[in-house]
């Protein structure tokens, strides 16, 4: 909303060009990020607007904007996590079509044929474990799953989540502002974990590149 700096956007036409990302999920993440920015700006403008508006129209817009905020927040998290997973040796089939909830907690596919009760794994948690961040991540798992649950509840239009209740526009706008804060706080918390893992991965890659480069230099 502060409009500071530029956001890089990669389109399908960029694929294969010099300097273009080789990670397919980078393209998804960049497009979703720009779309999410647009939704946030529109939502913020609506929540802070003081112009007269019919209560029915205000409530319809609140529901639309809240749903779009949840949708793009979750989809962007999915793309960012898959972008990290693509850099590992994990089979892409394990996460390519997975929604956020499955990326955070899913039944193990390896023990599918076992007669014992299948245990649950977390693909993002596996990355966190590699870099010694699993304890911090596990403590926040419930908070992360709130994002996935919000999307499920919003799409199912459960009572109390997207309940249609026309009121004065000022009340509706105030409610949307509170909802945006709640979604935003969960989103930021998730981004902190993703960025910390990404930082550790980049550090590891740079270290490996430097070590490989030193072996390649003539003695």
N, C-alpha and C. Protein backbone atom coordinates (compact mmCIF):
# COMPACT_ATOMS: atom_id res chain seq x y z
N UNK A 1 0.81 -1.20 0.00
CA UNK A 1 0.00 0.00 0.00
C UNK A 1 0.85 1.26 0.00
N UNK A 2 2.08 1.14 0.50
CA UNK A 2 2.98 2.29 0.51
C UNK A 2 3.59 2.52 -0.86
N UNK A 3 3.48 1.50 -1.74
CA UNK A 3 3.99 1.61 -3.11
C UNK A 3 5.47 2.01 -3.15
N UNK A 4 6.26 1.37 -2.31
CA UNK A 4 7.69 1.62 -2.30
C UNK A 4 8.39 0.49 -3.04
N UNK A 5 9.22 0.83 -4.02
CA UNK A 5 9.95 -0.17 -4.78
C UNK A 5 9.09 -0.80 -5.86
N UNK A 6 9.68 -1.75 -6.56
CA UNK A 6 9.00 -2.42 -7.67
C UNK A 6 8.85 -3.90 -7.36
N UNK A 7 7.80 -4.47 -7.89
CA UNK A 7 7.55 -5.90 -7.75
C UNK A 7 7.81 -6.56 -9.09
N UNK A 8 8.67 -7.56 -9.10
CA UNK A 8 9.02 -8.25 -10.34
C UNK A 8 7.91 -9.20 -10.74
N UNK A 9 7.52 -9.14 -11.99
CA UNK A 9 6.46 -10.00 -12.50
C UNK A 9 7.02 -10.83 -13.65
N UNK A 10 6.85 -12.14 -13.55
CA UNK A 10 7.31 -13.05 -14.60
C UNK A 10 6.10 -13.66 -15.29
N UNK A 11 6.09 -13.59 -16.61
CA UNK A 11 5.00 -14.18 -17.38
C UNK A 11 5.50 -15.43 -18.10
N UNK A 12 4.55 -16.17 -18.67
CA UNK A 12 4.91 -17.39 -19.39
C UNK A 12 5.83 -17.10 -20.57
N UNK A 13 5.75 -15.89 -21.10
CA UNK A 13 6.59 -15.51 -22.24
C UNK A 13 8.07 -15.39 -21.85
N UNK A 14 8.34 -15.23 -20.54
CA UNK A 14 9.72 -15.08 -20.08
C UNK A 14 10.46 -16.41 -20.00
N UNK A 15 9.72 -17.51 -19.97
CA UNK A 15 10.35 -18.81 -19.79
C UNK A 15 11.33 -19.10 -20.93
N UNK A 16 12.51 -19.53 -20.54
CA UNK A 16 13.54 -19.87 -21.52
C UNK A 16 14.43 -18.72 -21.91
N UNK A 17 14.06 -17.50 -21.52
CA UNK A 17 14.89 -16.35 -21.85
C UNK A 17 16.09 -16.28 -20.91
N UNK A 18 17.19 -15.65 -21.33
CA UNK A 18 18.37 -15.51 -20.46
C UNK A 18 18.01 -14.79 -19.17
N UNK A 19 18.39 -15.38 -18.06
CA UNK A 19 18.14 -14.76 -16.77
C UNK A 19 16.77 -15.03 -16.20
N UNK A 20 15.90 -15.71 -16.95
CA UNK A 20 14.56 -16.02 -16.47
C UNK A 20 14.63 -17.16 -15.45
N UNK A 21 13.73 -17.18 -14.48
CA UNK A 21 13.73 -18.24 -13.46
C UNK A 21 13.53 -19.62 -14.09
N UNK A 22 14.18 -20.61 -13.53
CA UNK A 22 13.98 -21.99 -13.96
C UNK A 22 13.01 -22.71 -13.04
N UNK A 23 12.65 -22.05 -11.94
CA UNK A 23 11.68 -22.62 -11.00
C UNK A 23 10.27 -22.25 -11.47
N UNK A 24 9.45 -23.22 -11.86
CA UNK A 24 8.12 -22.89 -12.41
C UNK A 24 7.20 -22.18 -11.41
N UNK A 25 7.41 -22.42 -10.12
CA UNK A 25 6.54 -21.81 -9.12
C UNK A 25 6.86 -20.34 -8.87
N UNK A 26 8.01 -19.89 -9.34
CA UNK A 26 8.35 -18.48 -9.25
C UNK A 26 7.40 -17.65 -10.10
N UNK A 27 7.01 -18.20 -11.24
CA UNK A 27 6.07 -17.50 -12.12
C UNK A 27 4.71 -17.38 -11.44
N UNK A 28 4.25 -18.47 -10.84
CA UNK A 28 2.97 -18.45 -10.15
C UNK A 28 3.00 -17.45 -9.00
N UNK A 29 4.08 -17.47 -8.23
CA UNK A 29 4.17 -16.60 -7.06
C UNK A 29 4.19 -15.13 -7.44
N UNK A 30 4.89 -14.79 -8.53
CA UNK A 30 4.98 -13.38 -8.92
C UNK A 30 3.63 -12.84 -9.37
N UNK A 31 2.88 -13.64 -10.13
CA UNK A 31 1.55 -13.21 -10.59
C UNK A 31 0.59 -13.08 -9.41
N UNK A 32 0.61 -14.06 -8.52
CA UNK A 32 -0.27 -14.03 -7.35
C UNK A 32 0.05 -12.86 -6.44
N UNK A 33 1.33 -12.52 -6.33
CA UNK A 33 1.74 -11.40 -5.48
C UNK A 33 1.17 -10.09 -6.00
N UNK A 34 1.22 -9.89 -7.31
CA UNK A 34 0.69 -8.66 -7.90
C UNK A 34 -0.83 -8.61 -7.75
N UNK A 35 -1.49 -9.73 -7.96
CA UNK A 35 -2.95 -9.78 -7.79
C UNK A 35 -3.32 -9.51 -6.34
N UNK A 36 -2.56 -10.08 -5.43
CA UNK A 36 -2.82 -9.88 -4.00
C UNK A 36 -2.66 -8.42 -3.61
N UNK A 37 -1.65 -7.76 -4.16
CA UNK A 37 -1.45 -6.33 -3.88
C UNK A 37 -2.67 -5.53 -4.30
N UNK A 38 -3.22 -5.86 -5.45
CA UNK A 38 -4.39 -5.15 -5.95
C UNK A 38 -5.58 -5.33 -5.02
N UNK A 39 -5.78 -6.56 -4.55
CA UNK A 39 -6.89 -6.85 -3.64
C UNK A 39 -6.71 -6.11 -2.32
N UNK A 40 -5.50 -6.10 -1.79
CA UNK A 40 -5.23 -5.43 -0.52
C UNK A 40 -5.49 -3.93 -0.63
N UNK A 41 -5.02 -3.34 -1.72
CA UNK A 41 -5.22 -1.90 -1.91
C UNK A 41 -6.71 -1.55 -2.02
N UNK A 42 -7.45 -2.37 -2.76
CA UNK A 42 -8.88 -2.12 -2.90
C UNK A 42 -9.60 -2.31 -1.57
N UNK A 43 -9.20 -3.32 -0.81
CA UNK A 43 -9.82 -3.58 0.48
C UNK A 43 -9.54 -2.46 1.47
N UNK A 44 -8.31 -2.01 1.48
CA UNK A 44 -7.94 -0.93 2.39
C UNK A 44 -8.69 0.36 2.06
N UNK A 45 -8.82 0.63 0.77
CA UNK A 45 -9.53 1.84 0.34
C UNK A 45 -11.00 1.77 0.75
N UNK A 46 -11.59 0.59 0.62
CA UNK A 46 -13.00 0.43 0.99
C UNK A 46 -13.18 0.56 2.50
N UNK A 47 -12.28 -0.06 3.27
CA UNK A 47 -12.41 -0.03 4.73
C UNK A 47 -12.26 1.39 5.29
N UNK A 48 -11.47 2.23 4.62
CA UNK A 48 -11.22 3.58 5.12
C UNK A 48 -12.15 4.63 4.49
N UNK A 49 -12.93 4.23 3.51
CA UNK A 49 -13.81 5.17 2.82
C UNK A 49 -14.94 5.62 3.75
N UNK A 50 -15.30 6.87 3.67
CA UNK A 50 -16.37 7.41 4.51
C UNK A 50 -17.56 7.91 3.69
N UNK A 51 -17.53 7.70 2.38
CA UNK A 51 -18.64 8.14 1.55
C UNK A 51 -19.88 7.30 1.84
N UNK A 52 -21.06 7.90 1.74
CA UNK A 52 -22.31 7.17 1.98
C UNK A 52 -22.45 5.99 1.03
N UNK A 53 -22.95 4.87 1.56
CA UNK A 53 -23.13 3.67 0.74
C UNK A 53 -24.26 2.85 1.34
N UNK A 54 -25.09 2.31 0.48
CA UNK A 54 -26.19 1.46 0.94
C UNK A 54 -25.64 0.25 1.70
N UNK A 55 -26.28 -0.09 2.80
CA UNK A 55 -25.82 -1.19 3.64
C UNK A 55 -25.75 -2.52 2.91
N UNK A 56 -26.70 -2.76 2.03
CA UNK A 56 -26.71 -4.00 1.26
C UNK A 56 -25.50 -4.08 0.33
N UNK A 57 -25.22 -2.99 -0.37
CA UNK A 57 -24.07 -2.95 -1.27
C UNK A 57 -22.76 -3.08 -0.49
N UNK A 58 -22.72 -2.44 0.68
CA UNK A 58 -21.51 -2.50 1.51
C UNK A 58 -21.22 -3.93 1.97
N UNK A 59 -22.26 -4.64 2.38
CA UNK A 59 -22.08 -6.01 2.86
C UNK A 59 -21.65 -6.95 1.74
N UNK A 60 -22.22 -6.77 0.57
CA UNK A 60 -21.83 -7.60 -0.58
C UNK A 60 -20.36 -7.38 -0.92
N UNK A 61 -19.94 -6.12 -0.87
CA UNK A 61 -18.54 -5.83 -1.19
C UNK A 61 -17.61 -6.36 -0.10
N UNK A 62 -18.04 -6.29 1.16
CA UNK A 62 -17.21 -6.83 2.24
C UNK A 62 -16.97 -8.31 2.05
N UNK A 63 -18.02 -9.04 1.75
CA UNK A 63 -17.89 -10.49 1.56
C UNK A 63 -16.96 -10.79 0.39
N UNK A 64 -17.11 -10.06 -0.70
CA UNK A 64 -16.24 -10.30 -1.86
C UNK A 64 -14.78 -10.00 -1.54
N UNK A 65 -14.52 -8.88 -0.91
CA UNK A 65 -13.14 -8.49 -0.62
C UNK A 65 -12.50 -9.40 0.42
N UNK A 66 -13.27 -9.77 1.44
CA UNK A 66 -12.72 -10.68 2.44
C UNK A 66 -12.37 -12.04 1.81
N UNK A 67 -13.28 -12.55 0.98
CA UNK A 67 -13.03 -13.83 0.31
C UNK A 67 -11.81 -13.76 -0.59
N UNK A 68 -11.66 -12.68 -1.33
CA UNK A 68 -10.51 -12.54 -2.21
C UNK A 68 -9.21 -12.42 -1.41
N UNK A 69 -9.25 -11.73 -0.28
CA UNK A 69 -8.07 -11.63 0.57
C UNK A 69 -7.62 -13.00 1.06
N UNK A 70 -8.57 -13.79 1.55
CA UNK A 70 -8.24 -15.12 2.03
C UNK A 70 -7.72 -15.99 0.90
N UNK A 71 -8.41 -15.93 -0.25
CA UNK A 71 -8.03 -16.75 -1.39
C UNK A 71 -6.60 -16.47 -1.84
N UNK A 72 -6.28 -15.20 -2.08
CA UNK A 72 -4.96 -14.88 -2.59
C UNK A 72 -3.87 -15.06 -1.53
N UNK A 73 -4.21 -14.86 -0.28
CA UNK A 73 -3.24 -15.12 0.79
C UNK A 73 -2.83 -16.58 0.80
N UNK A 74 -3.82 -17.46 0.75
CA UNK A 74 -3.54 -18.90 0.78
C UNK A 74 -2.82 -19.35 -0.49
N UNK A 75 -3.30 -18.89 -1.64
CA UNK A 75 -2.68 -19.31 -2.90
C UNK A 75 -1.23 -18.83 -2.99
N UNK A 76 -0.95 -17.64 -2.49
CA UNK A 76 0.41 -17.13 -2.53
C UNK A 76 1.31 -17.95 -1.61
N UNK A 77 0.80 -18.31 -0.44
CA UNK A 77 1.58 -19.17 0.47
C UNK A 77 1.88 -20.51 -0.20
N UNK A 78 0.89 -21.07 -0.87
CA UNK A 78 1.09 -22.34 -1.57
C UNK A 78 2.22 -22.23 -2.60
N UNK A 79 2.19 -21.17 -3.40
CA UNK A 79 3.19 -20.99 -4.45
C UNK A 79 4.59 -20.81 -3.85
N UNK A 80 4.69 -20.04 -2.77
CA UNK A 80 5.99 -19.78 -2.15
C UNK A 80 6.57 -21.04 -1.53
N UNK A 81 5.72 -21.85 -0.92
CA UNK A 81 6.19 -23.11 -0.33
C UNK A 81 6.62 -24.08 -1.41
N UNK A 82 5.84 -24.18 -2.49
CA UNK A 82 6.19 -25.07 -3.59
C UNK A 82 7.47 -24.61 -4.29
N UNK A 83 7.70 -23.32 -4.29
CA UNK A 83 8.93 -22.78 -4.87
C UNK A 83 10.15 -23.31 -4.10
N UNK A 84 10.02 -23.41 -2.78
CA UNK A 84 11.10 -23.97 -1.96
C UNK A 84 11.22 -25.47 -2.16
N UNK A 85 10.07 -26.16 -2.18
CA UNK A 85 10.09 -27.62 -2.32
C UNK A 85 10.69 -28.05 -3.65
N UNK A 86 10.51 -27.23 -4.68
CA UNK A 86 11.06 -27.54 -6.00
C UNK A 86 12.59 -27.60 -5.97
N UNK A 87 13.19 -26.93 -5.00
CA UNK A 87 14.65 -26.91 -4.89
C UNK A 87 15.19 -28.12 -4.13
N UNK A 88 14.32 -29.03 -3.74
CA UNK A 88 14.73 -30.22 -3.00
C UNK A 88 14.62 -31.46 -3.89
N UNK A 89 14.93 -32.61 -3.31
CA UNK A 89 14.82 -33.87 -4.05
C UNK A 89 13.46 -34.53 -3.84
N UNK A 90 12.55 -33.85 -3.16
CA UNK A 90 11.21 -34.41 -2.96
C UNK A 90 10.50 -34.55 -4.30
N UNK A 91 9.82 -35.66 -4.53
CA UNK A 91 9.08 -35.85 -5.80
C UNK A 91 8.03 -34.75 -5.96
N UNK A 92 8.00 -34.13 -7.13
CA UNK A 92 7.06 -33.04 -7.35
C UNK A 92 5.61 -33.52 -7.25
N UNK A 93 5.40 -34.80 -7.51
CA UNK A 93 4.05 -35.36 -7.43
C UNK A 93 3.50 -35.27 -6.01
N UNK A 94 4.39 -35.17 -5.02
CA UNK A 94 3.95 -35.10 -3.62
C UNK A 94 3.37 -33.75 -3.25
N UNK A 95 3.65 -32.72 -4.06
CA UNK A 95 3.19 -31.38 -3.67
C UNK A 95 2.60 -30.56 -4.81
N UNK A 96 2.75 -31.00 -6.05
CA UNK A 96 2.35 -30.18 -7.19
C UNK A 96 0.89 -29.73 -7.11
N UNK A 97 0.00 -30.64 -6.77
CA UNK A 97 -1.42 -30.33 -6.72
C UNK A 97 -1.94 -30.13 -5.29
N UNK A 98 -1.04 -30.04 -4.35
CA UNK A 98 -1.45 -29.94 -2.94
C UNK A 98 -1.90 -28.54 -2.59
N UNK A 99 -2.97 -28.47 -1.81
CA UNK A 99 -3.43 -27.20 -1.26
C UNK A 99 -2.62 -26.89 -0.01
N UNK A 100 -2.80 -25.70 0.55
CA UNK A 100 -2.00 -25.28 1.69
C UNK A 100 -2.10 -26.25 2.86
N UNK A 101 -3.31 -26.72 3.15
CA UNK A 101 -3.48 -27.64 4.27
C UNK A 101 -2.65 -28.89 4.13
N UNK A 102 -2.57 -29.42 2.90
CA UNK A 102 -1.79 -30.63 2.66
C UNK A 102 -0.28 -30.36 2.72
N UNK A 103 0.13 -29.15 2.37
CA UNK A 103 1.55 -28.81 2.46
C UNK A 103 1.99 -28.70 3.91
N UNK A 104 1.04 -28.36 4.78
CA UNK A 104 1.35 -28.19 6.20
C UNK A 104 1.16 -29.47 6.99
N UNK A 105 0.21 -30.29 6.57
CA UNK A 105 -0.07 -31.53 7.29
C UNK A 105 -0.83 -32.49 6.39
N UNK A 106 -0.24 -33.67 6.13
CA UNK A 106 -0.89 -34.65 5.26
C UNK A 106 -0.49 -36.05 5.70
N UNK A 107 -1.28 -37.03 5.30
CA UNK A 107 -0.95 -38.41 5.63
C UNK A 107 0.23 -38.87 4.78
N UNK A 108 1.10 -39.63 5.38
CA UNK A 108 2.30 -40.11 4.70
C UNK A 108 1.92 -41.05 3.56
N UNK A 109 2.45 -40.79 2.38
CA UNK A 109 2.15 -41.63 1.22
C UNK A 109 2.96 -42.92 1.22
N UNK A 110 4.09 -42.92 1.93
CA UNK A 110 4.97 -44.10 1.94
C UNK A 110 4.32 -45.26 2.68
N UNK A 111 3.62 -44.94 3.79
CA UNK A 111 3.04 -46.01 4.59
C UNK A 111 1.56 -46.24 4.24
N UNK A 112 1.19 -45.93 3.01
CA UNK A 112 -0.20 -46.06 2.58
C UNK A 112 -0.67 -47.50 2.65
N UNK A 113 0.21 -48.45 2.31
CA UNK A 113 -0.17 -49.86 2.28
C UNK A 113 -0.01 -50.54 3.64
N UNK A 114 0.47 -49.78 4.63
CA UNK A 114 0.68 -50.36 5.95
C UNK A 114 -0.65 -50.60 6.65
N UNK A 115 -0.69 -51.65 7.46
CA UNK A 115 -1.90 -51.94 8.23
C UNK A 115 -2.00 -51.06 9.46
N UNK A 116 -0.88 -50.43 9.81
CA UNK A 116 -0.87 -49.54 10.97
C UNK A 116 -1.51 -48.20 10.59
N UNK A 117 -1.85 -47.44 11.60
CA UNK A 117 -2.43 -46.12 11.37
C UNK A 117 -1.39 -45.22 10.71
N UNK A 118 -1.77 -44.60 9.61
CA UNK A 118 -0.82 -43.75 8.88
C UNK A 118 -0.51 -42.49 9.67
N UNK A 119 0.76 -42.15 9.73
CA UNK A 119 1.14 -40.94 10.45
C UNK A 119 1.11 -39.74 9.51
N UNK A 120 1.10 -38.56 10.09
CA UNK A 120 1.04 -37.35 9.30
C UNK A 120 2.42 -36.72 9.17
N UNK A 121 2.65 -36.08 8.04
CA UNK A 121 3.91 -35.38 7.80
C UNK A 121 3.60 -33.96 7.35
N UNK A 122 4.59 -33.10 7.43
CA UNK A 122 4.46 -31.73 6.94
C UNK A 122 5.61 -31.47 5.98
N UNK A 123 5.27 -31.13 4.75
CA UNK A 123 6.33 -30.86 3.76
C UNK A 123 7.10 -29.59 4.13
N UNK A 124 6.39 -28.54 4.57
CA UNK A 124 7.09 -27.34 5.01
C UNK A 124 7.87 -27.63 6.28
N UNK A 125 7.29 -28.45 7.15
CA UNK A 125 7.99 -28.83 8.37
C UNK A 125 9.26 -29.62 8.10
N UNK A 126 9.25 -30.40 7.03
CA UNK A 126 10.46 -31.15 6.65
C UNK A 126 11.59 -30.21 6.28
N UNK A 127 11.26 -29.14 5.57
CA UNK A 127 12.27 -28.13 5.23
C UNK A 127 12.77 -27.45 6.50
N UNK A 128 11.83 -27.11 7.39
CA UNK A 128 12.21 -26.45 8.64
C UNK A 128 13.14 -27.36 9.45
N UNK A 129 12.87 -28.65 9.45
CA UNK A 129 13.68 -29.60 10.21
C UNK A 129 15.12 -29.65 9.69
N UNK A 130 15.28 -29.59 8.40
CA UNK A 130 16.63 -29.65 7.81
C UNK A 130 17.52 -28.52 8.32
N UNK A 131 16.91 -27.37 8.58
CA UNK A 131 17.69 -26.20 8.99
C UNK A 131 17.52 -25.87 10.48
N UNK A 132 17.09 -26.87 11.25
CA UNK A 132 17.00 -26.69 12.69
C UNK A 132 15.91 -25.74 13.14
N UNK A 133 14.87 -25.58 12.31
CA UNK A 133 13.80 -24.65 12.64
C UNK A 133 12.49 -25.37 12.97
N UNK A 134 12.57 -26.69 13.12
CA UNK A 134 11.34 -27.47 13.28
C UNK A 134 10.61 -27.17 14.58
N UNK A 135 11.33 -26.92 15.67
CA UNK A 135 10.68 -26.67 16.95
C UNK A 135 9.83 -25.40 16.88
N UNK A 136 10.42 -24.35 16.32
CA UNK A 136 9.68 -23.10 16.17
C UNK A 136 8.49 -23.28 15.25
N UNK A 137 8.68 -24.03 14.18
CA UNK A 137 7.60 -24.25 13.22
C UNK A 137 6.46 -25.05 13.85
N UNK A 138 6.80 -26.12 14.57
CA UNK A 138 5.77 -26.98 15.17
C UNK A 138 4.91 -26.21 16.16
N UNK A 139 5.51 -25.29 16.87
CA UNK A 139 4.76 -24.52 17.85
C UNK A 139 3.72 -23.62 17.19
N UNK A 140 3.94 -23.30 15.92
CA UNK A 140 3.04 -22.39 15.21
C UNK A 140 2.15 -23.09 14.21
N UNK A 141 2.15 -24.42 14.19
CA UNK A 141 1.40 -25.15 13.17
C UNK A 141 -0.08 -24.82 13.20
N UNK A 142 -0.65 -24.75 14.40
CA UNK A 142 -2.08 -24.44 14.51
C UNK A 142 -2.40 -23.07 13.91
N UNK A 143 -1.49 -22.12 14.13
CA UNK A 143 -1.69 -20.78 13.58
C UNK A 143 -1.63 -20.81 12.05
N UNK A 144 -0.72 -21.62 11.52
CA UNK A 144 -0.61 -21.73 10.07
C UNK A 144 -1.86 -22.36 9.46
N UNK A 145 -2.36 -23.38 10.13
CA UNK A 145 -3.53 -24.09 9.62
C UNK A 145 -4.78 -23.21 9.64
N UNK A 146 -4.76 -22.14 10.42
CA UNK A 146 -5.90 -21.22 10.43
C UNK A 146 -6.14 -20.64 9.05
N UNK A 147 -5.05 -20.37 8.32
CA UNK A 147 -5.20 -19.83 6.96
C UNK A 147 -5.93 -20.82 6.06
N UNK A 148 -5.51 -22.09 6.14
CA UNK A 148 -6.15 -23.11 5.32
C UNK A 148 -7.61 -23.29 5.71
N UNK A 149 -7.88 -23.25 7.01
CA UNK A 149 -9.26 -23.40 7.48
C UNK A 149 -10.13 -22.23 7.07
N UNK A 150 -9.54 -21.03 7.07
CA UNK A 150 -10.29 -19.86 6.63
C UNK A 150 -10.75 -20.01 5.18
N UNK A 151 -9.85 -20.52 4.34
CA UNK A 151 -10.21 -20.70 2.94
C UNK A 151 -11.32 -21.73 2.81
N UNK A 152 -11.20 -22.85 3.53
CA UNK A 152 -12.22 -23.89 3.46
C UNK A 152 -13.57 -23.36 3.94
N UNK A 153 -13.57 -22.62 5.03
CA UNK A 153 -14.81 -22.07 5.57
C UNK A 153 -15.41 -21.02 4.64
N UNK A 154 -14.54 -20.20 4.06
CA UNK A 154 -15.02 -19.15 3.16
C UNK A 154 -15.64 -19.74 1.91
N UNK A 155 -14.98 -20.75 1.34
CA UNK A 155 -15.49 -21.36 0.12
C UNK A 155 -16.78 -22.11 0.37
N UNK A 156 -16.90 -22.66 1.60
CA UNK A 156 -18.12 -23.39 1.94
C UNK A 156 -19.21 -22.47 2.47
N UNK A 157 -18.87 -21.19 2.66
CA UNK A 157 -19.82 -20.18 3.15
C UNK A 157 -20.45 -20.61 4.46
N UNK A 158 -19.60 -21.11 5.40
CA UNK A 158 -20.12 -21.53 6.70
C UNK A 158 -20.70 -20.35 7.45
N UNK A 159 -21.70 -20.61 8.24
CA UNK A 159 -22.34 -19.57 9.03
C UNK A 159 -21.32 -18.94 9.97
N UNK A 160 -21.35 -17.63 10.05
CA UNK A 160 -20.44 -16.93 10.95
C UNK A 160 -19.14 -16.55 10.30
N UNK A 161 -18.86 -17.09 9.11
CA UNK A 161 -17.63 -16.76 8.41
C UNK A 161 -17.91 -15.75 7.31
N UNK A 162 -18.87 -16.07 6.47
CA UNK A 162 -19.28 -15.13 5.43
C UNK A 162 -20.77 -14.83 5.60
N UNK A 163 -21.20 -14.76 6.82
CA UNK A 163 -22.62 -14.52 7.11
C UNK A 163 -23.06 -13.18 6.53
N UNK A 164 -24.14 -13.22 5.79
CA UNK A 164 -24.64 -12.02 5.12
C UNK A 164 -25.52 -11.24 6.09
N UNK A 165 -25.05 -10.04 6.48
CA UNK A 165 -25.77 -9.25 7.47
C UNK A 165 -25.65 -7.76 7.14
N UNK A 166 -26.53 -7.24 6.27
CA UNK A 166 -26.47 -5.82 5.91
C UNK A 166 -26.64 -4.92 7.12
N UNK A 167 -25.75 -3.94 7.25
CA UNK A 167 -25.80 -2.96 8.34
C UNK A 167 -25.36 -1.62 7.78
N UNK A 168 -25.16 -0.66 8.67
CA UNK A 168 -24.66 0.62 8.21
C UNK A 168 -23.29 0.43 7.57
N UNK A 169 -23.00 1.21 6.54
CA UNK A 169 -21.75 1.04 5.80
C UNK A 169 -20.53 1.19 6.70
N UNK A 170 -20.60 2.11 7.67
CA UNK A 170 -19.46 2.33 8.55
C UNK A 170 -19.16 1.08 9.39
N UNK A 171 -20.21 0.39 9.82
CA UNK A 171 -20.03 -0.83 10.61
C UNK A 171 -19.44 -1.94 9.75
N UNK A 172 -19.95 -2.06 8.53
CA UNK A 172 -19.46 -3.08 7.60
C UNK A 172 -17.99 -2.84 7.28
N UNK A 173 -17.64 -1.59 7.02
CA UNK A 173 -16.25 -1.26 6.71
C UNK A 173 -15.33 -1.54 7.89
N UNK A 174 -15.80 -1.25 9.08
CA UNK A 174 -15.00 -1.51 10.28
C UNK A 174 -14.77 -3.01 10.46
N UNK A 175 -15.80 -3.80 10.18
CA UNK A 175 -15.66 -5.26 10.30
C UNK A 175 -14.65 -5.79 9.29
N UNK A 176 -14.70 -5.28 8.07
CA UNK A 176 -13.74 -5.72 7.06
C UNK A 176 -12.32 -5.36 7.50
N UNK A 177 -12.15 -4.18 8.08
CA UNK A 177 -10.82 -3.78 8.56
C UNK A 177 -10.28 -4.76 9.59
N UNK A 178 -11.13 -5.21 10.51
CA UNK A 178 -10.71 -6.18 11.52
C UNK A 178 -10.38 -7.52 10.88
N UNK A 179 -11.19 -7.94 9.92
CA UNK A 179 -10.95 -9.20 9.24
C UNK A 179 -9.63 -9.17 8.47
N UNK A 180 -9.35 -8.05 7.82
CA UNK A 180 -8.10 -7.92 7.07
C UNK A 180 -6.90 -7.98 8.00
N UNK A 181 -7.01 -7.38 9.19
CA UNK A 181 -5.93 -7.44 10.16
C UNK A 181 -5.67 -8.88 10.61
N UNK A 182 -6.75 -9.63 10.85
CA UNK A 182 -6.60 -11.02 11.30
C UNK A 182 -5.94 -11.88 10.23
N UNK A 183 -6.42 -11.75 8.99
CA UNK A 183 -5.83 -12.52 7.89
C UNK A 183 -4.39 -12.08 7.65
N UNK A 184 -4.16 -10.77 7.70
CA UNK A 184 -2.82 -10.24 7.46
C UNK A 184 -1.81 -10.70 8.49
N UNK A 185 -2.22 -10.74 9.76
CA UNK A 185 -1.30 -11.19 10.82
C UNK A 185 -0.90 -12.65 10.63
N UNK A 186 -1.87 -13.50 10.28
CA UNK A 186 -1.55 -14.90 10.02
C UNK A 186 -0.64 -15.04 8.80
N UNK A 187 -0.90 -14.24 7.79
CA UNK A 187 -0.11 -14.27 6.56
C UNK A 187 1.33 -13.85 6.83
N UNK A 188 1.51 -12.77 7.58
CA UNK A 188 2.85 -12.28 7.90
C UNK A 188 3.61 -13.33 8.71
N UNK A 189 2.91 -13.97 9.64
CA UNK A 189 3.56 -14.99 10.47
C UNK A 189 4.05 -16.15 9.59
N UNK A 190 3.21 -16.54 8.64
CA UNK A 190 3.61 -17.61 7.73
C UNK A 190 4.80 -17.18 6.87
N UNK A 191 4.77 -15.94 6.38
CA UNK A 191 5.87 -15.44 5.56
C UNK A 191 7.19 -15.41 6.32
N UNK A 192 7.13 -15.13 7.62
CA UNK A 192 8.35 -15.12 8.43
C UNK A 192 9.00 -16.49 8.44
N UNK A 193 8.19 -17.54 8.57
CA UNK A 193 8.73 -18.90 8.55
C UNK A 193 9.28 -19.25 7.16
N UNK A 194 8.52 -18.91 6.13
CA UNK A 194 8.97 -19.22 4.77
C UNK A 194 10.26 -18.49 4.45
N UNK A 195 10.34 -17.21 4.82
CA UNK A 195 11.53 -16.42 4.50
C UNK A 195 12.74 -16.91 5.29
N UNK A 196 12.51 -17.38 6.52
CA UNK A 196 13.64 -17.89 7.32
C UNK A 196 14.20 -19.16 6.71
N UNK A 197 13.31 -20.04 6.26
CA UNK A 197 13.76 -21.26 5.59
C UNK A 197 14.46 -20.92 4.28
N UNK A 198 13.89 -19.98 3.53
CA UNK A 198 14.49 -19.57 2.26
C UNK A 198 15.89 -19.00 2.48
N UNK A 199 16.04 -18.20 3.54
CA UNK A 199 17.36 -17.64 3.85
C UNK A 199 18.39 -18.71 4.13
N UNK A 200 17.98 -19.73 4.89
CA UNK A 200 18.90 -20.84 5.20
C UNK A 200 19.25 -21.62 3.93
N UNK A 201 18.27 -21.81 3.05
CA UNK A 201 18.53 -22.53 1.80
C UNK A 201 19.51 -21.77 0.92
N UNK A 202 19.32 -20.45 0.81
CA UNK A 202 20.22 -19.64 0.00
C UNK A 202 21.64 -19.66 0.57
N UNK A 203 21.73 -19.59 1.88
CA UNK A 203 23.05 -19.64 2.53
C UNK A 203 23.74 -20.96 2.25
N UNK A 204 22.97 -22.05 2.30
CA UNK A 204 23.53 -23.37 2.02
C UNK A 204 23.98 -23.47 0.57
N UNK A 205 23.18 -22.97 -0.35
CA UNK A 205 23.54 -23.02 -1.77
C UNK A 205 24.79 -22.19 -2.07
N UNK A 206 24.88 -21.02 -1.46
CA UNK A 206 26.05 -20.17 -1.66
C UNK A 206 27.30 -20.83 -1.11
N UNK A 207 27.16 -21.50 0.03
CA UNK A 207 28.29 -22.20 0.62
C UNK A 207 28.76 -23.35 -0.27
N UNK A 208 27.78 -24.09 -0.83
CA UNK A 208 28.13 -25.21 -1.71
C UNK A 208 28.78 -24.69 -2.99
N UNK A 209 28.28 -23.59 -3.53
CA UNK A 209 28.84 -23.02 -4.76
C UNK A 209 30.27 -22.55 -4.52
N UNK A 210 30.50 -21.95 -3.36
CA UNK A 210 31.85 -21.48 -3.04
C UNK A 210 32.81 -22.65 -2.86
N UNK A 211 32.29 -23.72 -2.22
CA UNK A 211 33.15 -24.90 -2.00
C UNK A 211 33.47 -25.57 -3.31
N UNK A 212 32.48 -25.64 -4.20
CA UNK A 212 32.71 -26.25 -5.51
C UNK A 212 33.68 -25.40 -6.33
N UNK A 213 33.53 -24.08 -6.21
CA UNK A 213 34.42 -23.18 -6.95
C UNK A 213 35.86 -23.29 -6.50
N UNK A 214 36.06 -23.47 -5.19
CA UNK A 214 37.44 -23.59 -4.67
C UNK A 214 38.08 -24.88 -5.12
N UNK A 215 37.29 -25.94 -5.32
CA UNK A 215 37.85 -27.21 -5.80
C UNK A 215 38.20 -27.12 -7.26
N UNK A 216 37.51 -26.24 -8.00
CA UNK A 216 37.73 -26.15 -9.44
C UNK A 216 38.91 -25.27 -9.80
N UNK A 217 39.37 -24.43 -8.86
CA UNK A 217 40.48 -23.54 -9.17
C UNK A 217 41.78 -24.32 -9.32
N UNK A 218 42.63 -23.94 -10.26
CA UNK A 218 43.92 -24.63 -10.44
C UNK A 218 44.82 -24.40 -9.23
N UNK A 219 45.50 -25.42 -8.81
CA UNK A 219 46.39 -25.32 -7.66
C UNK A 219 47.75 -24.76 -8.08
